[in-house]
Amino acid sequence: MEGILYLTDDQNKKRFVQIDLDKFGGEFLQDLIDGLVAESRRKGESVLMEDVMSELKNEGLLDA
């Protein structure tokens, strides 16, 4: 793919990627990072929306 370069190890396995930021910067890069963060948290603890809203209200960060 033009603008993306895969770097391989001694066994020719893909290990790293270089992304041309002039070509794929901005929104693409942010989407990529967001996806990586979401994947890293996939098996994390869930929190009920009601609990979050209640905590924000209690801390004065959200209007009642």
C-alpha atoms as a PDB file:
ATOM      1  CA  MET A   1       0.000   0.000   0.000  1.00  0.00           C
ATOM      2  CA  GLU A   2       1.463   3.339  -0.994  1.00  0.00           C
ATOM      3  CA  GLY A   3       2.460   5.433   2.003  1.00  0.00           C
ATOM      4  CA  ILE A   4       2.678   2.449   4.369  1.00  0.00           C
ATOM      5  CA  LEU A   5       5.900   0.498   4.819  1.00  0.00           C
ATOM      6  CA  TYR A   6       6.133  -2.751   6.795  1.00  0.00           C
ATOM      7  CA  LEU A   7       9.438  -3.564   8.460  1.00  0.00           C
ATOM      8  CA  THR A   8      10.263  -7.219   9.004  1.00  0.00           C
ATOM      9  CA  ASP A   9      12.491  -9.188  11.336  1.00  0.00           C
ATOM     10  CA  ASP A  10      15.118 -11.810  10.448  1.00  0.00           C
ATOM     11  CA  GLN A  11      12.385 -14.396   9.790  1.00  0.00           C
ATOM     12  CA  ASN A  12      10.614 -11.966   7.429  1.00  0.00           C
ATOM     13  CA  LYS A  13       7.706 -11.517   9.865  1.00  0.00           C
ATOM     14  CA  LYS A  14       6.072  -8.088   9.890  1.00  0.00           C
ATOM     15  CA  ARG A  15       7.149  -6.357  13.091  1.00  0.00           C
ATOM     16  CA  PHE A  16       6.749  -2.618  12.579  1.00  0.00           C
ATOM     17  CA  VAL A  17       4.930  -0.222  10.324  1.00  0.00           C
ATOM     18  CA  GLN A  18       5.886   3.216   9.057  1.00  0.00           C
ATOM     19  CA  ILE A  19       3.040   5.501   8.010  1.00  0.00           C
ATOM     20  CA  ASP A  20       3.510   8.544   5.794  1.00  0.00           C
ATOM     21  CA  LEU A  21       1.907  11.260   7.915  1.00  0.00           C
ATOM     22  CA  ASP A  22       1.671  13.649   4.962  1.00  0.00           C
ATOM     23  CA  LYS A  23      -0.534  11.099   3.228  1.00  0.00           C
ATOM     24  CA  PHE A  24      -2.349   9.470   6.169  1.00  0.00           C
ATOM     25  CA  GLY A  25      -2.059  12.002   8.997  1.00  0.00           C
ATOM     26  CA  GLY A  26      -4.886  13.707  10.793  1.00  0.00           C
ATOM     27  CA  GLU A  27      -8.161  11.816  10.978  1.00  0.00           C
ATOM     28  CA  PHE A  28      -6.734   8.479   9.765  1.00  0.00           C
ATOM     29  CA  LEU A  29      -4.031   8.511  12.414  1.00  0.00           C
ATOM     30  CA  GLN A  30      -6.504   9.461  15.154  1.00  0.00           C
ATOM     31  CA  ASP A  31      -8.844   6.642  14.061  1.00  0.00           C
ATOM     32  CA  LEU A  32      -5.935   4.181  14.165  1.00  0.00           C
ATOM     33  CA  ILE A  33      -4.948   5.263  17.674  1.00  0.00           C
ATOM     34  CA  ASP A  34      -8.569   5.165  18.871  1.00  0.00           C
ATOM     35  CA  GLY A  35      -8.883   1.621  17.526  1.00  0.00           C
ATOM     36  CA  LEU A  36      -5.729   0.510  19.310  1.00  0.00           C
ATOM     37  CA  VAL A  37      -6.903   2.042  22.587  1.00  0.00           C
ATOM     38  CA  ALA A  38     -10.345   0.436  22.233  1.00  0.00           C
ATOM     39  CA  GLU A  39      -8.783  -2.968  21.525  1.00  0.00           C
ATOM     40  CA  SER A  40      -6.485  -2.651  24.552  1.00  0.00           C
ATOM     41  CA  ARG A  41      -9.539  -2.018  26.760  1.00  0.00           C
ATOM     42  CA  ARG A  42     -11.814  -4.630  25.184  1.00  0.00           C
ATOM     43  CA  LYS A  43     -11.624  -7.027  28.120  1.00  0.00           C
ATOM     44  CA  GLY A  44     -11.585  -4.284  30.728  1.00  0.00           C
ATOM     45  CA  GLU A  45     -14.153  -3.748  33.429  1.00  0.00           C
ATOM     46  CA  SER A  46     -17.483  -2.315  32.299  1.00  0.00           C
ATOM     47  CA  VAL A  47     -19.142   0.570  34.116  1.00  0.00           C
ATOM     48  CA  LEU A  48     -22.854   1.284  33.957  1.00  0.00           C
ATOM     49  CA  MET A  49     -23.736   4.596  32.319  1.00  0.00           C
ATOM     50  CA  GLU A  50     -26.013   5.426  35.265  1.00  0.00           C
ATOM     51  CA  ASP A  51     -23.063   5.085  37.649  1.00  0.00           C
ATOM     52  CA  VAL A  52     -20.901   7.373  35.519  1.00  0.00           C
ATOM     53  CA  MET A  53     -23.662   9.976  35.248  1.00  0.00           C
ATOM     54  CA  SER A  54     -24.288   9.848  39.001  1.00  0.00           C
ATOM     55  CA  GLU A  55     -20.592  10.269  39.792  1.00  0.00           C
ATOM     56  CA  LEU A  56     -20.276  13.231  37.397  1.00  0.00           C
ATOM     57  CA  LYS A  57     -23.319  14.887  38.974  1.00  0.00           C
ATOM     58  CA  ASN A  58     -21.951  14.312  42.484  1.00  0.00           C
ATOM     59  CA  GLU A  59     -18.639  15.928  41.484  1.00  0.00           C
ATOM     60  CA  GLY A  60     -20.458  18.914  39.977  1.00  0.00           C
ATOM     61  CA  LEU A  61     -19.183  18.137  36.486  1.00  0.00           C
ATOM     62  CA  LEU A  62     -22.655  17.542  35.064  1.00  0.00           C
ATOM     63  CA  ASP A  63     -25.861  19.473  35.578  1.00  0.00           C
ATOM     64  CA  ALA A  64     -28.637  17.569  37.335  1.00  0.00           C
END
